[in-house]
């Protein structure tokens, strides 16, 4: 990775299970930038939580987060490293 990259954690709460394929398609498109991913099903609340760690230029992270945030049934928040 170049020096212009940042590390970010993209947190996704999935409330509609039928949107998972769309989320996976988006994540696959950015797989070159993903350094780790963890998914946790929370059956008691009927939701899933996905954390994705990316190392990419800020524009790439924002683009991925934006696409994920537009998925109906998912809530997305992103935290960025300072440098």
N, C-alpha and C. Protein backbone atom coordinates (compact mmCIF):
# COMPACT_ATOMS: atom_id res chain seq x y z
N UNK A 1 0.84 -1.19 0.00
CA UNK A 1 0.00 0.00 0.00
C UNK A 1 0.89 1.25 0.00
N UNK A 2 0.39 2.30 -0.60
CA UNK A 2 1.16 3.54 -0.67
C UNK A 2 1.07 4.29 0.65
N UNK A 3 1.85 5.34 0.76
CA UNK A 3 1.85 6.14 1.99
C UNK A 3 0.59 6.98 2.13
N UNK A 4 -0.22 7.10 1.09
CA UNK A 4 -1.42 7.91 1.12
C UNK A 4 -2.65 7.14 1.60
N UNK A 5 -2.43 5.97 2.17
CA UNK A 5 -3.57 5.16 2.61
C UNK A 5 -3.86 5.41 4.09
N UNK A 6 -5.10 5.06 4.45
CA UNK A 6 -5.52 5.11 5.85
C UNK A 6 -6.12 3.76 6.20
N UNK A 7 -6.12 3.46 7.45
CA UNK A 7 -6.79 2.26 7.93
C UNK A 7 -8.15 2.69 8.47
N UNK A 8 -9.17 1.91 8.15
CA UNK A 8 -10.52 2.23 8.60
C UNK A 8 -11.24 0.95 8.99
N UNK A 9 -12.17 1.10 9.92
CA UNK A 9 -13.07 0.01 10.28
C UNK A 9 -14.46 0.41 9.82
N UNK A 10 -15.03 -0.39 8.95
CA UNK A 10 -16.39 -0.16 8.47
C UNK A 10 -17.29 -1.12 9.24
N UNK A 11 -18.20 -0.56 10.03
CA UNK A 11 -19.12 -1.36 10.83
C UNK A 11 -20.48 -1.37 10.16
N UNK A 12 -21.01 -2.57 9.98
CA UNK A 12 -22.28 -2.74 9.29
C UNK A 12 -23.23 -3.52 10.19
N UNK A 13 -24.41 -2.97 10.44
CA UNK A 13 -25.46 -3.70 11.14
C UNK A 13 -26.50 -4.08 10.09
N UNK A 14 -26.72 -5.37 9.95
CA UNK A 14 -27.64 -5.89 8.95
C UNK A 14 -28.95 -6.26 9.64
N UNK A 15 -30.01 -5.54 9.28
CA UNK A 15 -31.32 -5.78 9.88
C UNK A 15 -32.27 -6.53 8.95
N UNK A 16 -31.93 -6.58 7.68
CA UNK A 16 -32.73 -7.33 6.71
C UNK A 16 -31.82 -8.37 6.05
N UNK A 17 -31.99 -9.64 6.41
CA UNK A 17 -31.10 -10.67 5.88
C UNK A 17 -31.05 -10.75 4.36
N UNK A 18 -32.10 -10.32 3.68
CA UNK A 18 -32.10 -10.41 2.22
C UNK A 18 -31.15 -9.42 1.55
N UNK A 19 -30.54 -8.51 2.31
CA UNK A 19 -29.58 -7.56 1.71
C UNK A 19 -28.14 -8.05 1.79
N UNK A 20 -27.92 -9.21 2.39
CA UNK A 20 -26.56 -9.72 2.59
C UNK A 20 -25.83 -9.95 1.27
N UNK A 21 -26.52 -10.47 0.27
CA UNK A 21 -25.86 -10.69 -1.03
C UNK A 21 -25.37 -9.39 -1.63
N UNK A 22 -26.15 -8.34 -1.51
CA UNK A 22 -25.73 -7.03 -2.04
C UNK A 22 -24.50 -6.52 -1.28
N UNK A 23 -24.50 -6.69 0.03
CA UNK A 23 -23.34 -6.29 0.84
C UNK A 23 -22.11 -7.08 0.42
N UNK A 24 -22.26 -8.38 0.28
CA UNK A 24 -21.12 -9.22 -0.12
C UNK A 24 -20.59 -8.85 -1.50
N UNK A 25 -21.47 -8.50 -2.42
CA UNK A 25 -21.03 -8.07 -3.76
C UNK A 25 -20.18 -6.80 -3.67
N UNK A 26 -20.61 -5.86 -2.85
CA UNK A 26 -19.85 -4.61 -2.68
C UNK A 26 -18.50 -4.90 -2.03
N UNK A 27 -18.51 -5.71 -0.98
CA UNK A 27 -17.24 -6.03 -0.31
C UNK A 27 -16.30 -6.77 -1.26
N UNK A 28 -16.83 -7.64 -2.08
CA UNK A 28 -15.99 -8.35 -3.04
C UNK A 28 -15.32 -7.38 -4.02
N UNK A 29 -16.05 -6.35 -4.42
CA UNK A 29 -15.50 -5.36 -5.35
C UNK A 29 -14.32 -4.61 -4.73
N UNK A 30 -14.27 -4.54 -3.40
CA UNK A 30 -13.20 -3.83 -2.70
C UNK A 30 -12.26 -4.79 -1.98
N UNK A 31 -12.27 -6.05 -2.36
CA UNK A 31 -11.49 -7.07 -1.64
C UNK A 31 -9.99 -6.81 -1.65
N UNK A 32 -9.48 -6.11 -2.64
CA UNK A 32 -8.05 -5.79 -2.66
C UNK A 32 -7.63 -4.89 -1.51
N UNK A 33 -8.57 -4.18 -0.93
CA UNK A 33 -8.29 -3.23 0.14
C UNK A 33 -8.66 -3.75 1.52
N UNK A 34 -9.33 -4.88 1.57
CA UNK A 34 -9.79 -5.43 2.85
C UNK A 34 -8.70 -6.28 3.47
N UNK A 35 -8.34 -5.95 4.73
CA UNK A 35 -7.30 -6.73 5.40
C UNK A 35 -7.90 -7.67 6.45
N UNK A 36 -9.17 -7.51 6.76
CA UNK A 36 -9.82 -8.42 7.68
C UNK A 36 -11.31 -8.17 7.73
N UNK A 37 -12.04 -9.23 8.09
CA UNK A 37 -13.50 -9.12 8.15
C UNK A 37 -14.00 -10.08 9.22
N UNK A 38 -14.96 -9.61 10.00
CA UNK A 38 -15.56 -10.46 11.03
C UNK A 38 -17.07 -10.27 10.99
N UNK A 39 -17.79 -11.36 10.99
CA UNK A 39 -19.25 -11.30 11.01
C UNK A 39 -19.78 -12.02 12.24
N UNK A 40 -20.74 -11.39 12.90
CA UNK A 40 -21.33 -11.96 14.11
C UNK A 40 -22.84 -11.98 13.96
N UNK A 41 -23.44 -13.18 13.92
CA UNK A 41 -24.90 -13.23 13.92
C UNK A 41 -25.42 -13.05 15.35
N UNK A 42 -26.37 -12.18 15.54
CA UNK A 42 -26.97 -11.95 16.86
C UNK A 42 -28.42 -12.41 16.76
N UNK A 43 -28.59 -13.71 16.94
CA UNK A 43 -29.89 -14.34 16.69
C UNK A 43 -30.98 -13.81 17.60
N UNK A 44 -30.65 -13.47 18.84
CA UNK A 44 -31.66 -12.96 19.77
C UNK A 44 -32.33 -11.68 19.27
N UNK A 45 -31.59 -10.88 18.53
CA UNK A 45 -32.11 -9.62 17.98
C UNK A 45 -32.43 -9.72 16.49
N UNK A 46 -32.16 -10.89 15.90
CA UNK A 46 -32.40 -11.12 14.48
C UNK A 46 -31.64 -10.12 13.59
N UNK A 47 -30.39 -9.84 13.97
CA UNK A 47 -29.52 -8.97 13.18
C UNK A 47 -28.16 -9.63 13.04
N UNK A 48 -27.33 -9.08 12.18
CA UNK A 48 -25.93 -9.49 12.06
C UNK A 48 -25.07 -8.24 12.11
N UNK A 49 -23.87 -8.40 12.66
CA UNK A 49 -22.92 -7.30 12.74
C UNK A 49 -21.68 -7.72 11.95
N UNK A 50 -21.26 -6.86 11.03
CA UNK A 50 -20.08 -7.13 10.22
C UNK A 50 -19.08 -6.00 10.44
N UNK A 51 -17.84 -6.35 10.75
CA UNK A 51 -16.76 -5.36 10.85
C UNK A 51 -15.76 -5.67 9.75
N UNK A 52 -15.43 -4.64 8.98
CA UNK A 52 -14.49 -4.80 7.88
C UNK A 52 -13.35 -3.80 8.08
N UNK A 53 -12.12 -4.28 8.06
CA UNK A 53 -10.95 -3.42 8.21
C UNK A 53 -10.33 -3.23 6.83
N UNK A 54 -10.16 -1.97 6.44
CA UNK A 54 -9.63 -1.65 5.12
C UNK A 54 -8.35 -0.82 5.26
N UNK A 55 -7.47 -0.97 4.29
CA UNK A 55 -6.29 -0.12 4.15
C UNK A 55 -6.32 0.39 2.72
N UNK A 56 -6.70 1.66 2.57
CA UNK A 56 -6.88 2.22 1.22
C UNK A 56 -6.81 3.74 1.29
N UNK A 57 -6.78 4.35 0.12
CA UNK A 57 -6.86 5.80 0.06
C UNK A 57 -8.23 6.23 0.56
N UNK A 58 -8.31 7.41 1.11
CA UNK A 58 -9.53 7.91 1.72
C UNK A 58 -10.72 7.87 0.74
N UNK A 59 -10.48 8.22 -0.51
CA UNK A 59 -11.55 8.20 -1.51
C UNK A 59 -12.13 6.79 -1.70
N UNK A 60 -11.27 5.79 -1.68
CA UNK A 60 -11.72 4.41 -1.86
C UNK A 60 -12.55 3.96 -0.67
N UNK A 61 -12.10 4.28 0.54
CA UNK A 61 -12.85 3.92 1.74
C UNK A 61 -14.21 4.61 1.73
N UNK A 62 -14.22 5.90 1.41
CA UNK A 62 -15.48 6.64 1.37
C UNK A 62 -16.43 6.09 0.31
N UNK A 63 -15.89 5.69 -0.82
CA UNK A 63 -16.70 5.13 -1.89
C UNK A 63 -17.35 3.81 -1.44
N UNK A 64 -16.56 2.95 -0.83
CA UNK A 64 -17.08 1.67 -0.34
C UNK A 64 -18.12 1.89 0.75
N UNK A 65 -17.82 2.77 1.70
CA UNK A 65 -18.76 3.07 2.79
C UNK A 65 -20.06 3.65 2.25
N UNK A 66 -19.95 4.53 1.28
CA UNK A 66 -21.13 5.13 0.69
C UNK A 66 -22.03 4.11 0.01
N UNK A 67 -21.42 3.21 -0.76
CA UNK A 67 -22.20 2.17 -1.43
C UNK A 67 -22.87 1.26 -0.40
N UNK A 68 -22.14 0.89 0.64
CA UNK A 68 -22.72 0.05 1.69
C UNK A 68 -23.84 0.77 2.41
N UNK A 69 -23.66 2.05 2.64
CA UNK A 69 -24.66 2.84 3.35
C UNK A 69 -25.96 3.01 2.59
N UNK A 70 -25.92 2.82 1.28
CA UNK A 70 -27.13 2.93 0.46
C UNK A 70 -27.90 1.62 0.35
N UNK A 71 -27.38 0.56 0.96
CA UNK A 71 -28.08 -0.73 0.92
C UNK A 71 -29.25 -0.67 1.90
N UNK A 72 -30.44 -0.93 1.39
CA UNK A 72 -31.63 -0.95 2.22
C UNK A 72 -31.56 -2.13 3.18
N UNK A 73 -31.68 -1.86 4.47
CA UNK A 73 -31.61 -2.92 5.47
C UNK A 73 -30.29 -2.96 6.21
N UNK A 74 -29.36 -2.06 5.86
CA UNK A 74 -28.05 -2.02 6.52
C UNK A 74 -27.78 -0.62 7.05
N UNK A 75 -27.16 -0.56 8.21
CA UNK A 75 -26.69 0.71 8.79
C UNK A 75 -25.18 0.64 8.83
N UNK A 76 -24.51 1.70 8.36
CA UNK A 76 -23.06 1.67 8.21
C UNK A 76 -22.43 2.89 8.88
N UNK A 77 -21.36 2.65 9.63
CA UNK A 77 -20.54 3.72 10.22
C UNK A 77 -19.09 3.36 10.00
N UNK A 78 -18.26 4.37 9.78
CA UNK A 78 -16.85 4.14 9.49
C UNK A 78 -15.98 4.98 10.43
N UNK A 79 -14.96 4.33 10.99
CA UNK A 79 -13.96 5.01 11.82
C UNK A 79 -12.63 4.93 11.10
N UNK A 80 -11.91 6.06 11.06
CA UNK A 80 -10.67 6.18 10.31
C UNK A 80 -9.47 6.38 11.23
N UNK A 81 -8.31 5.86 10.80
CA UNK A 81 -7.07 6.18 11.51
C UNK A 81 -6.72 7.64 11.20
N UNK A 82 -5.93 8.26 12.06
CA UNK A 82 -5.58 9.66 11.85
C UNK A 82 -4.58 9.83 10.72
N UNK A 83 -3.75 8.83 10.47
CA UNK A 83 -2.79 8.92 9.36
C UNK A 83 -2.51 7.56 8.79
